[in-house]
Amino acid sequence: MNTKSMVRFVVGPDGGAVPDVFCKLPGKGMWVSSKKSSLDRALRKNLFSVVSKKPVLISNNLSKQIEESILKKLLNLISLARKANQAIAGFEKVKGLLETDRAVLLIQASDGSPREKSRLRPPTGAGTLINCLKMQELGLAFGRESVIHAAIMRGGLHKEITLEALRLDGIREIQGHSSAQKERIAHERQ
């Protein structure tokens, strides 16, 4: 079982399910795929209680808590990469970096203009395009109001950024397609 793309839960002192995005909380972990459909199925079938063999309370906004926790972790990682000179933002800077083949990830805001986003191609390879963040969210990582284009260079953080982006993309899954799948379909149609 590959737990890297999953979300860990533990039973808190109050008997409620607590998302453990950082995998540091004590207690027996219960792992659920980071896809929204898997989480909904676990909640609907009361699988937390089945696995822990005792009643587990589920808050009404558990999905939102998970999304916010993963988002916070992803933005912190991007911010760390920026401080380590492994991340840049802005169309021209990103374009220049992509042309030199030093970029390993292209991050584009999901609510950015499709026309502008189509002007940049991600580095070759699978999983090199991240588009699960909104422009205001991406702006938080760079200390700006909004950012549409960003790139991550090779370094100690790019793999973890990719992993957290995949988890966030799965939680934000809408109508059976994640934003990465939608972007891939859009590029194939061009």
N, C-alpha and C. Protein backbone atom coordinates (compact mmCIF):
# COMPACT_ATOMS: atom_id res chain seq x y z
N MET A 1 0.85 -1.19 0.00
CA MET A 1 0.00 0.00 0.00
C MET A 1 0.89 1.24 0.00
N ASN A 2 0.70 2.10 -0.98
CA ASN A 2 1.46 3.34 -1.07
C ASN A 2 0.71 4.44 -0.32
N THR A 3 1.23 4.81 0.83
CA THR A 3 0.55 5.80 1.67
C THR A 3 0.87 7.23 1.28
N LYS A 4 1.79 7.43 0.33
CA LYS A 4 2.19 8.79 -0.04
C LYS A 4 1.05 9.60 -0.65
N SER A 5 0.15 8.93 -1.34
CA SER A 5 -0.97 9.65 -1.95
C SER A 5 -2.25 9.51 -1.13
N MET A 6 -2.11 9.19 0.14
CA MET A 6 -3.27 8.99 1.00
C MET A 6 -3.26 10.00 2.14
N VAL A 7 -4.37 10.08 2.83
CA VAL A 7 -4.49 10.95 4.00
C VAL A 7 -4.63 10.06 5.23
N ARG A 8 -3.86 10.37 6.26
CA ARG A 8 -3.90 9.59 7.50
C ARG A 8 -4.86 10.24 8.48
N PHE A 9 -5.61 9.42 9.17
CA PHE A 9 -6.52 9.88 10.22
C PHE A 9 -6.19 9.15 11.51
N VAL A 10 -6.40 9.81 12.62
CA VAL A 10 -6.30 9.18 13.93
C VAL A 10 -7.55 9.54 14.71
N VAL A 11 -7.83 8.77 15.75
CA VAL A 11 -8.96 9.08 16.62
C VAL A 11 -8.45 10.00 17.71
N GLY A 12 -9.03 11.17 17.82
CA GLY A 12 -8.62 12.16 18.82
C GLY A 12 -9.12 11.81 20.20
N PRO A 13 -8.68 12.57 21.21
CA PRO A 13 -9.11 12.32 22.59
C PRO A 13 -10.62 12.42 22.79
N ASP A 14 -11.28 13.21 21.93
CA ASP A 14 -12.73 13.37 22.04
C ASP A 14 -13.49 12.29 21.28
N GLY A 15 -12.76 11.34 20.66
CA GLY A 15 -13.40 10.26 19.91
C GLY A 15 -13.73 10.62 18.48
N GLY A 16 -13.23 11.76 17.99
CA GLY A 16 -13.50 12.19 16.63
C GLY A 16 -12.34 11.87 15.70
N ALA A 17 -12.65 11.73 14.41
CA ALA A 17 -11.61 11.51 13.40
C ALA A 17 -10.86 12.82 13.17
N VAL A 18 -9.52 12.74 13.24
CA VAL A 18 -8.67 13.91 13.06
C VAL A 18 -7.75 13.67 11.87
N PRO A 19 -7.80 14.52 10.84
CA PRO A 19 -6.87 14.35 9.71
C PRO A 19 -5.45 14.67 10.17
N ASP A 20 -4.52 13.79 9.82
CA ASP A 20 -3.11 13.95 10.20
C ASP A 20 -2.28 14.09 8.93
N VAL A 21 -2.34 15.25 8.32
CA VAL A 21 -1.67 15.51 7.04
C VAL A 21 -0.16 15.40 7.18
N PHE A 22 0.39 15.77 8.33
CA PHE A 22 1.84 15.72 8.54
C PHE A 22 2.31 14.35 9.05
N CYS A 23 1.38 13.43 9.31
CA CYS A 23 1.69 12.07 9.78
C CYS A 23 2.54 12.07 11.03
N LYS A 24 2.18 12.90 11.99
CA LYS A 24 2.95 13.03 13.22
C LYS A 24 2.14 12.76 14.48
N LEU A 25 0.83 12.70 14.37
CA LEU A 25 0.00 12.50 15.55
C LEU A 25 0.11 11.07 16.07
N PRO A 26 0.05 10.89 17.40
CA PRO A 26 0.13 9.54 17.95
C PRO A 26 -1.17 8.77 17.73
N GLY A 27 -1.07 7.50 17.78
CA GLY A 27 -2.25 6.66 17.65
C GLY A 27 -2.21 5.83 16.38
N LYS A 28 -3.09 4.85 16.33
CA LYS A 28 -3.19 3.99 15.17
C LYS A 28 -3.73 4.80 14.00
N GLY A 29 -3.01 4.77 12.90
CA GLY A 29 -3.42 5.53 11.73
C GLY A 29 -4.41 4.77 10.87
N MET A 30 -5.36 5.50 10.33
CA MET A 30 -6.31 4.95 9.37
C MET A 30 -6.08 5.71 8.08
N TRP A 31 -5.79 5.01 7.01
CA TRP A 31 -5.41 5.64 5.76
C TRP A 31 -6.56 5.58 4.76
N VAL A 32 -6.81 6.72 4.09
CA VAL A 32 -7.84 6.82 3.07
C VAL A 32 -7.22 7.51 1.86
N SER A 33 -7.55 7.04 0.69
CA SER A 33 -7.06 7.66 -0.54
C SER A 33 -7.43 9.14 -0.54
N SER A 34 -6.59 9.96 -1.13
CA SER A 34 -6.86 11.40 -1.13
C SER A 34 -7.88 11.81 -2.17
N LYS A 35 -8.51 10.87 -2.81
CA LYS A 35 -9.58 11.20 -3.75
C LYS A 35 -10.86 11.50 -2.98
N LYS A 36 -11.56 12.53 -3.42
CA LYS A 36 -12.79 12.94 -2.74
C LYS A 36 -13.81 11.81 -2.70
N SER A 37 -13.90 11.04 -3.78
CA SER A 37 -14.87 9.93 -3.82
C SER A 37 -14.54 8.87 -2.78
N SER A 38 -13.26 8.59 -2.57
CA SER A 38 -12.86 7.59 -1.57
C SER A 38 -13.18 8.08 -0.16
N LEU A 39 -12.91 9.35 0.09
CA LEU A 39 -13.21 9.92 1.41
C LEU A 39 -14.72 9.91 1.66
N ASP A 40 -15.50 10.28 0.66
CA ASP A 40 -16.96 10.27 0.81
C ASP A 40 -17.47 8.86 1.08
N ARG A 41 -16.89 7.87 0.40
CA ARG A 41 -17.30 6.48 0.61
C ARG A 41 -16.96 6.03 2.04
N ALA A 42 -15.76 6.40 2.53
CA ALA A 42 -15.37 6.03 3.90
C ALA A 42 -16.30 6.66 4.92
N LEU A 43 -16.71 7.89 4.68
CA LEU A 43 -17.63 8.57 5.60
C LEU A 43 -19.02 7.96 5.53
N ARG A 44 -19.49 7.70 4.32
CA ARG A 44 -20.84 7.16 4.13
C ARG A 44 -20.99 5.78 4.76
N LYS A 45 -19.94 4.94 4.65
CA LYS A 45 -20.00 3.58 5.17
C LYS A 45 -19.49 3.47 6.60
N ASN A 46 -19.15 4.61 7.20
CA ASN A 46 -18.69 4.65 8.59
C ASN A 46 -17.46 3.75 8.80
N LEU A 47 -16.53 3.79 7.85
CA LEU A 47 -15.36 2.91 7.89
C LEU A 47 -14.37 3.26 9.01
N PHE A 48 -14.38 4.51 9.47
CA PHE A 48 -13.48 4.87 10.57
C PHE A 48 -13.85 4.08 11.83
N SER A 49 -15.13 3.94 12.08
CA SER A 49 -15.58 3.16 13.25
C SER A 49 -15.28 1.67 13.05
N VAL A 50 -15.43 1.19 11.84
CA VAL A 50 -15.16 -0.23 11.57
C VAL A 50 -13.69 -0.55 11.80
N VAL A 51 -12.79 0.29 11.27
CA VAL A 51 -11.36 0.05 11.39
C VAL A 51 -10.87 0.19 12.83
N SER A 52 -11.34 1.22 13.52
CA SER A 52 -10.87 1.45 14.89
C SER A 52 -11.59 0.58 15.92
N LYS A 53 -12.64 -0.11 15.49
CA LYS A 53 -13.42 -1.02 16.35
C LYS A 53 -14.06 -0.31 17.53
N LYS A 54 -14.38 0.97 17.33
CA LYS A 54 -15.11 1.75 18.33
C LYS A 54 -15.78 2.92 17.61
N PRO A 55 -16.81 3.49 18.20
CA PRO A 55 -17.49 4.61 17.53
C PRO A 55 -16.56 5.80 17.34
N VAL A 56 -16.56 6.36 16.14
CA VAL A 56 -15.74 7.53 15.83
C VAL A 56 -16.66 8.65 15.34
N LEU A 57 -16.54 9.81 15.97
CA LEU A 57 -17.34 10.96 15.58
C LEU A 57 -16.73 11.62 14.34
N ILE A 58 -17.58 12.01 13.41
CA ILE A 58 -17.13 12.66 12.19
C ILE A 58 -17.71 14.06 12.15
N SER A 59 -16.85 15.06 12.03
CA SER A 59 -17.35 16.44 11.95
C SER A 59 -17.97 16.68 10.58
N ASN A 60 -18.90 17.63 10.53
CA ASN A 60 -19.58 17.94 9.27
C ASN A 60 -18.66 18.54 8.23
N ASN A 61 -17.59 19.17 8.66
CA ASN A 61 -16.70 19.84 7.70
C ASN A 61 -15.34 19.13 7.60
N LEU A 62 -15.32 17.82 7.73
CA LEU A 62 -14.07 17.07 7.68
C LEU A 62 -13.37 17.22 6.34
N SER A 63 -14.11 17.15 5.24
CA SER A 63 -13.50 17.32 3.91
C SER A 63 -12.84 18.68 3.79
N LYS A 64 -13.49 19.70 4.30
CA LYS A 64 -12.94 21.05 4.25
C LYS A 64 -11.67 21.16 5.11
N GLN A 65 -11.67 20.52 6.28
CA GLN A 65 -10.49 20.52 7.14
C GLN A 65 -9.30 19.88 6.43
N ILE A 66 -9.55 18.78 5.75
CA ILE A 66 -8.48 18.07 5.04
C ILE A 66 -7.93 18.96 3.92
N GLU A 67 -8.84 19.54 3.14
CA GLU A 67 -8.42 20.41 2.04
C GLU A 67 -7.58 21.57 2.55
N GLU A 68 -8.03 22.21 3.63
CA GLU A 68 -7.29 23.35 4.19
C GLU A 68 -5.92 22.93 4.71
N SER A 69 -5.83 21.76 5.33
CA SER A 69 -4.55 21.27 5.86
C SER A 69 -3.56 20.98 4.74
N ILE A 70 -4.02 20.30 3.70
CA ILE A 70 -3.15 19.98 2.58
C ILE A 70 -2.74 21.25 1.84
N LEU A 71 -3.68 22.18 1.67
CA LEU A 71 -3.38 23.45 1.02
C LEU A 71 -2.31 24.21 1.79
N LYS A 72 -2.46 24.27 3.10
CA LYS A 72 -1.48 24.97 3.94
C LYS A 72 -0.10 24.34 3.79
N LYS A 73 -0.04 23.01 3.81
CA LYS A 73 1.24 22.32 3.68
C LYS A 73 1.86 22.59 2.31
N LEU A 74 1.06 22.55 1.25
CA LEU A 74 1.56 22.80 -0.11
C LEU A 74 2.09 24.22 -0.25
N LEU A 75 1.34 25.20 0.25
CA LEU A 75 1.78 26.59 0.15
C LEU A 75 3.05 26.82 0.96
N ASN A 76 3.17 26.18 2.12
CA ASN A 76 4.39 26.29 2.91
C ASN A 76 5.59 25.71 2.16
N LEU A 77 5.39 24.59 1.48
CA LEU A 77 6.48 23.98 0.70
C LEU A 77 6.91 24.88 -0.46
N ILE A 78 5.94 25.46 -1.16
CA ILE A 78 6.27 26.36 -2.27
C ILE A 78 6.99 27.59 -1.75
N SER A 79 6.53 28.10 -0.62
CA SER A 79 7.18 29.26 0.00
C SER A 79 8.62 28.93 0.41
N LEU A 80 8.83 27.75 0.97
CA LEU A 80 10.19 27.32 1.31
C LEU A 80 11.07 27.22 0.06
N ALA A 81 10.50 26.69 -1.00
CA ALA A 81 11.25 26.58 -2.26
C ALA A 81 11.62 27.98 -2.78
N ARG A 82 10.70 28.92 -2.64
CA ARG A 82 10.99 30.30 -3.06
C ARG A 82 12.13 30.89 -2.24
N LYS A 83 12.09 30.66 -0.94
CA LYS A 83 13.15 31.19 -0.07
C LYS A 83 14.49 30.52 -0.32
N ALA A 84 14.46 29.29 -0.83
CA ALA A 84 15.69 28.56 -1.15
C ALA A 84 16.12 28.79 -2.60
N ASN A 85 15.52 29.78 -3.26
CA ASN A 85 15.81 30.10 -4.67
C ASN A 85 15.55 28.91 -5.59
N GLN A 86 14.54 28.12 -5.28
CA GLN A 86 14.14 27.00 -6.12
C GLN A 86 12.78 27.22 -6.76
N ALA A 87 12.20 28.40 -6.57
CA ALA A 87 10.89 28.70 -7.15
C ALA A 87 10.86 30.15 -7.62
N ILE A 88 10.23 30.36 -8.76
CA ILE A 88 10.07 31.72 -9.29
C ILE A 88 8.63 31.89 -9.77
N ALA A 89 8.22 33.15 -9.91
CA ALA A 89 6.85 33.44 -10.37
C ALA A 89 6.92 34.53 -11.43
N GLY A 90 5.90 34.59 -12.25
CA GLY A 90 5.81 35.59 -13.31
C GLY A 90 6.01 34.94 -14.66
N PHE A 91 5.23 35.37 -15.64
CA PHE A 91 5.23 34.73 -16.95
C PHE A 91 6.61 34.72 -17.60
N GLU A 92 7.25 35.87 -17.72
CA GLU A 92 8.54 35.96 -18.42
C GLU A 92 9.64 35.17 -17.70
N LYS A 93 9.68 35.26 -16.39
CA LYS A 93 10.69 34.50 -15.63
C LYS A 93 10.48 33.00 -15.79
N VAL A 94 9.23 32.57 -15.70
CA VAL A 94 8.92 31.15 -15.85
C VAL A 94 9.24 30.69 -17.26
N LYS A 95 8.88 31.48 -18.24
CA LYS A 95 9.16 31.13 -19.64
C LYS A 95 10.67 30.96 -19.86
N GLY A 96 11.45 31.89 -19.33
CA GLY A 96 12.90 31.81 -19.46
C GLY A 96 13.46 30.57 -18.79
N LEU A 97 12.95 30.25 -17.61
CA LEU A 97 13.42 29.07 -16.89
C LEU A 97 13.05 27.79 -17.63
N LEU A 98 11.85 27.74 -18.20
CA LEU A 98 11.42 26.56 -18.95
C LEU A 98 12.29 26.35 -20.19
N GLU A 99 12.73 27.44 -20.81
CA GLU A 99 13.57 27.34 -22.00
C GLU A 99 14.96 26.80 -21.68
N THR A 100 15.43 27.01 -20.46
CA THR A 100 16.76 26.52 -20.08
C THR A 100 16.73 25.09 -19.54
N ASP A 101 15.56 24.50 -19.45
CA ASP A 101 15.38 23.13 -18.95
C ASP A 101 15.80 22.96 -17.48
N ARG A 102 15.83 24.06 -16.73
CA ARG A 102 16.15 23.95 -15.30
C ARG A 102 14.90 23.73 -14.46
N ALA A 103 13.74 23.99 -15.02
CA ALA A 103 12.48 23.82 -14.28
C ALA A 103 12.06 22.35 -14.33
N VAL A 104 11.59 21.84 -13.19
CA VAL A 104 11.07 20.47 -13.14
C VAL A 104 9.55 20.45 -12.96
N LEU A 105 8.98 21.58 -12.49
CA LEU A 105 7.53 21.69 -12.32
C LEU A 105 7.05 23.04 -12.83
N LEU A 106 5.92 23.02 -13.50
CA LEU A 106 5.23 24.25 -13.89
C LEU A 106 3.95 24.31 -13.07
N ILE A 107 3.75 25.43 -12.38
CA ILE A 107 2.53 25.62 -11.60
C ILE A 107 1.73 26.73 -12.26
N GLN A 108 0.49 26.45 -12.60
CA GLN A 108 -0.39 27.46 -13.19
C GLN A 108 -1.69 27.51 -12.40
N ALA A 109 -2.14 28.72 -12.14
CA ALA A 109 -3.38 28.91 -11.38
C ALA A 109 -4.56 28.34 -12.16
N SER A 110 -5.41 27.62 -11.46
CA SER A 110 -6.56 26.99 -12.11
C SER A 110 -7.55 28.02 -12.65
N ASP A 111 -7.59 29.20 -12.04
CA ASP A 111 -8.52 30.22 -12.50
C ASP A 111 -7.84 31.27 -13.38
N GLY A 112 -6.66 30.95 -13.88
CA GLY A 112 -5.98 31.84 -14.83
C GLY A 112 -6.59 31.69 -16.22
N SER A 113 -6.27 32.62 -17.09
CA SER A 113 -6.78 32.60 -18.45
C SER A 113 -6.28 31.38 -19.21
N PRO A 114 -7.18 30.59 -19.78
CA PRO A 114 -6.74 29.42 -20.56
C PRO A 114 -5.81 29.81 -21.72
N ARG A 115 -6.06 30.94 -22.30
CA ARG A 115 -5.21 31.40 -23.41
C ARG A 115 -3.79 31.67 -22.93
N GLU A 116 -3.66 32.35 -21.81
CA GLU A 116 -2.32 32.65 -21.27
C GLU A 116 -1.63 31.38 -20.79
N LYS A 117 -2.38 30.48 -20.17
CA LYS A 117 -1.79 29.24 -19.67
C LYS A 117 -1.29 28.37 -20.82
N SER A 118 -1.96 28.43 -21.96
CA SER A 118 -1.56 27.59 -23.10
C SER A 118 -0.25 28.08 -23.73
N ARG A 119 0.21 29.26 -23.39
CA ARG A 119 1.46 29.78 -23.94
C ARG A 119 2.69 29.14 -23.32
N LEU A 120 2.52 28.45 -22.21
CA LEU A 120 3.63 27.77 -21.54
C LEU A 120 3.39 26.27 -21.54
N ARG A 121 4.41 25.52 -21.86
CA ARG A 121 4.33 24.07 -21.83
C ARG A 121 5.14 23.55 -20.64
N PRO A 122 4.59 22.58 -19.92
CA PRO A 122 5.32 22.04 -18.76
C PRO A 122 6.56 21.28 -19.21
N PRO A 123 7.51 21.09 -18.32
CA PRO A 123 8.68 20.27 -18.65
C PRO A 123 8.24 18.87 -19.07
N THR A 124 9.08 18.20 -19.82
CA THR A 124 8.72 16.85 -20.27
C THR A 124 8.68 15.90 -19.08
N GLY A 125 7.81 14.92 -19.19
CA GLY A 125 7.67 13.94 -18.13
C GLY A 125 6.28 14.00 -17.52
N ALA A 126 5.95 12.95 -16.81
CA ALA A 126 4.64 12.86 -16.17
C ALA A 126 4.62 13.67 -14.87
N GLY A 127 3.50 14.27 -14.59
CA GLY A 127 3.32 14.98 -13.31
C GLY A 127 4.12 16.25 -13.18
N THR A 128 4.41 16.93 -14.29
CA THR A 128 5.21 18.16 -14.22
C THR A 128 4.35 19.42 -14.27
N LEU A 129 3.04 19.26 -14.36
CA LEU A 129 2.13 20.41 -14.37
C LEU A 129 1.24 20.35 -13.13
N ILE A 130 1.25 21.42 -12.38
CA ILE A 130 0.39 21.54 -11.20
C ILE A 130 -0.59 22.67 -11.46
N ASN A 131 -1.88 22.37 -11.39
CA ASN A 131 -2.88 23.41 -11.63
C ASN A 131 -4.08 23.27 -10.70
N CYS A 132 -3.81 22.91 -9.46
CA CYS A 132 -4.89 22.74 -8.49
C CYS A 132 -5.02 23.94 -7.55
N LEU A 133 -4.20 24.98 -7.76
CA LEU A 133 -4.25 26.16 -6.90
C LEU A 133 -4.89 27.32 -7.63
N LYS A 134 -5.60 28.14 -6.90
CA LYS A 134 -6.16 29.38 -7.46
C LYS A 134 -5.09 30.46 -7.40
N MET A 135 -5.26 31.52 -8.18
CA MET A 135 -4.20 32.55 -8.25
C MET A 135 -3.96 33.25 -6.92
N GLN A 136 -5.00 33.45 -6.10
CA GLN A 136 -4.78 34.07 -4.79
C GLN A 136 -4.03 33.12 -3.86
N GLU A 137 -4.33 31.82 -3.94
CA GLU A 137 -3.63 30.84 -3.11
C GLU A 137 -2.15 30.78 -3.49
N LEU A 138 -1.87 30.72 -4.78
CA LEU A 138 -0.48 30.68 -5.24
C LEU A 138 0.24 31.98 -4.88
N GLY A 139 -0.49 33.09 -4.91
CA GLY A 139 0.09 34.37 -4.51
C GLY A 139 0.55 34.38 -3.06
N LEU A 140 -0.16 33.68 -2.19
CA LEU A 140 0.24 33.61 -0.78
C LEU A 140 1.64 33.02 -0.61
N ALA A 141 1.97 32.03 -1.43
CA ALA A 141 3.29 31.39 -1.32
C ALA A 141 4.41 32.32 -1.77
N PHE A 142 4.08 33.30 -2.61
CA PHE A 142 5.09 34.21 -3.14
C PHE A 142 5.01 35.60 -2.53
N GLY A 143 4.12 35.78 -1.55
CA GLY A 143 4.00 37.08 -0.90
C GLY A 143 3.40 38.13 -1.81
N ARG A 144 2.55 37.72 -2.72
CA ARG A 144 1.90 38.65 -3.66
C ARG A 144 0.38 38.48 -3.56
N GLU A 145 -0.32 39.41 -4.18
CA GLU A 145 -1.78 39.31 -4.17
C GLU A 145 -2.25 38.12 -4.99
N SER A 146 -1.65 37.93 -6.16
CA SER A 146 -2.00 36.78 -6.99
C SER A 146 -0.83 36.42 -7.90
N VAL A 147 -0.75 35.15 -8.23
CA VAL A 147 0.27 34.63 -9.14
C VAL A 147 -0.42 33.61 -10.04
N ILE A 148 -0.14 33.70 -11.34
CA ILE A 148 -0.75 32.75 -12.28
C ILE A 148 0.26 31.70 -12.72
N HIS A 149 1.52 32.11 -12.96
CA HIS A 149 2.55 31.20 -13.44
C HIS A 149 3.69 31.12 -12.44
N ALA A 150 4.14 29.92 -12.14
CA ALA A 150 5.30 29.71 -11.28
C ALA A 150 6.02 28.46 -11.75
N ALA A 151 7.28 28.37 -11.40
CA ALA A 151 8.07 27.19 -11.75
C ALA A 151 8.92 26.79 -10.56
N ILE A 152 9.13 25.51 -10.43
CA ILE A 152 9.96 24.95 -9.37
C ILE A 152 11.17 24.29 -10.02
N MET A 153 12.36 24.60 -9.49
CA MET A 153 13.59 24.01 -9.99
C MET A 153 13.92 22.75 -9.19
N ARG A 154 14.81 21.97 -9.75
CA ARG A 154 15.25 20.75 -9.08
C ARG A 154 15.87 21.12 -7.73
N GLY A 155 15.52 20.35 -6.74
CA GLY A 155 16.02 20.59 -5.39
C GLY A 155 15.35 19.62 -4.43
N GLY A 156 15.53 19.85 -3.18
CA GLY A 156 15.00 18.94 -2.19
C GLY A 156 13.50 18.99 -2.00
N LEU A 157 12.83 20.00 -2.57
CA LEU A 157 11.40 20.17 -2.28
C LEU A 157 10.48 19.79 -3.44
N HIS A 158 10.98 19.66 -4.65
CA HIS A 158 10.08 19.48 -5.79
C HIS A 158 9.27 18.18 -5.73
N LYS A 159 9.84 17.12 -5.18
CA LYS A 159 9.10 15.85 -5.09
C LYS A 159 7.96 15.96 -4.08
N GLU A 160 8.23 16.60 -2.95
CA GLU A 160 7.19 16.75 -1.93
C GLU A 160 6.10 17.72 -2.40
N ILE A 161 6.48 18.75 -3.15
CA ILE A 161 5.49 19.68 -3.72
C ILE A 161 4.58 18.92 -4.67
N THR A 162 5.16 18.07 -5.51
CA THR A 162 4.37 17.28 -6.45
C THR A 162 3.39 16.37 -5.70
N LEU A 163 3.86 15.72 -4.67
CA LEU A 163 3.03 14.81 -3.87
C LEU A 163 1.85 15.54 -3.23
N GLU A 164 2.12 16.67 -2.59
CA GLU A 164 1.04 17.42 -1.93
C GLU A 164 0.06 17.99 -2.96
N ALA A 165 0.56 18.39 -4.12
CA ALA A 165 -0.33 18.88 -5.18
C ALA A 165 -1.26 17.77 -5.65
N LEU A 166 -0.75 16.56 -5.78
CA LEU A 166 -1.59 15.43 -6.18
C LEU A 166 -2.66 15.14 -5.13
N ARG A 167 -2.28 15.23 -3.85
CA ARG A 167 -3.26 15.01 -2.79
C ARG A 167 -4.34 16.10 -2.80
N LEU A 168 -3.93 17.35 -2.97
CA LEU A 168 -4.90 18.45 -3.02
C LEU A 168 -5.80 18.31 -4.24
N ASP A 169 -5.21 17.94 -5.36
CA ASP A 169 -5.98 17.75 -6.59
C ASP A 169 -7.03 16.67 -6.40
N GLY A 170 -6.67 15.59 -5.70
CA GLY A 170 -7.63 14.52 -5.45
C GLY A 170 -8.77 14.96 -4.55
N ILE A 171 -8.46 15.73 -3.52
CA ILE A 171 -9.50 16.21 -2.60
C ILE A 171 -10.42 17.20 -3.31
N ARG A 172 -9.87 18.00 -4.20
CA ARG A 172 -10.68 18.99 -4.92
C ARG A 172 -11.35 18.41 -6.16
N GLU A 173 -11.32 17.12 -6.33
CA GLU A 173 -11.90 16.44 -7.47
C GLU A 173 -13.35 16.88 -7.67
N ILE A 174 -13.67 17.24 -8.89
CA ILE A 174 -15.02 17.70 -9.21
C ILE A 174 -15.54 16.91 -10.40
N GLN A 175 -16.73 16.34 -10.27
CA GLN A 175 -17.41 15.62 -11.33
C GLN A 175 -16.54 14.52 -11.94
N GLY A 176 -15.82 13.80 -11.12
CA GLY A 176 -15.08 12.64 -11.59
C GLY A 176 -13.75 12.94 -12.26
N HIS A 177 -13.41 14.20 -12.49
CA HIS A 177 -12.13 14.54 -13.11
C HIS A 177 -11.38 15.50 -12.21
N SER A 178 -10.12 15.21 -11.97
CA SER A 178 -9.29 16.15 -11.22
C SER A 178 -8.85 17.26 -12.16
N SER A 179 -8.30 18.34 -11.62
CA SER A 179 -7.87 19.46 -12.46
C SER A 179 -6.74 19.04 -13.38
N ALA A 180 -5.88 18.12 -12.95
CA ALA A 180 -4.79 17.64 -13.81
C ALA A 180 -5.36 16.88 -15.00
N GLN A 181 -6.39 16.05 -14.77
CA GLN A 181 -7.02 15.32 -15.86
C GLN A 181 -7.70 16.27 -16.82
N LYS A 182 -8.39 17.30 -16.30
CA LYS A 182 -9.05 18.28 -17.15
C LYS A 182 -8.05 19.03 -18.00
N GLU A 183 -6.90 19.42 -17.42
CA GLU A 183 -5.87 20.14 -18.15
C GLU A 183 -5.30 19.27 -19.26
N ARG A 184 -5.06 17.98 -18.96
CA ARG A 184 -4.53 17.06 -19.95
C ARG A 184 -5.52 16.93 -21.12
N ILE A 185 -6.80 16.80 -20.82
CA ILE A 185 -7.82 16.69 -21.85
C ILE A 185 -7.85 17.96 -22.70
N ALA A 186 -7.74 19.14 -22.07
CA ALA A 186 -7.75 20.40 -22.81
C ALA A 186 -6.54 20.51 -23.74
N HIS A 187 -5.35 20.08 -23.27
CA HIS A 187 -4.15 20.14 -24.11
C HIS A 187 -4.26 19.18 -25.28
N GLU A 188 -4.90 18.01 -25.07
CA GLU A 188 -5.07 17.04 -26.14
C GLU A 188 -6.00 17.55 -27.22
N ARG A 189 -6.97 18.37 -26.87
CA ARG A 189 -7.93 18.90 -27.83
C ARG A 189 -7.32 20.00 -28.70
N GLN A 190 -6.22 20.62 -28.24
CA GLN A 190 -5.62 21.72 -29.01
C GLN A 190 -4.83 21.22 -30.18
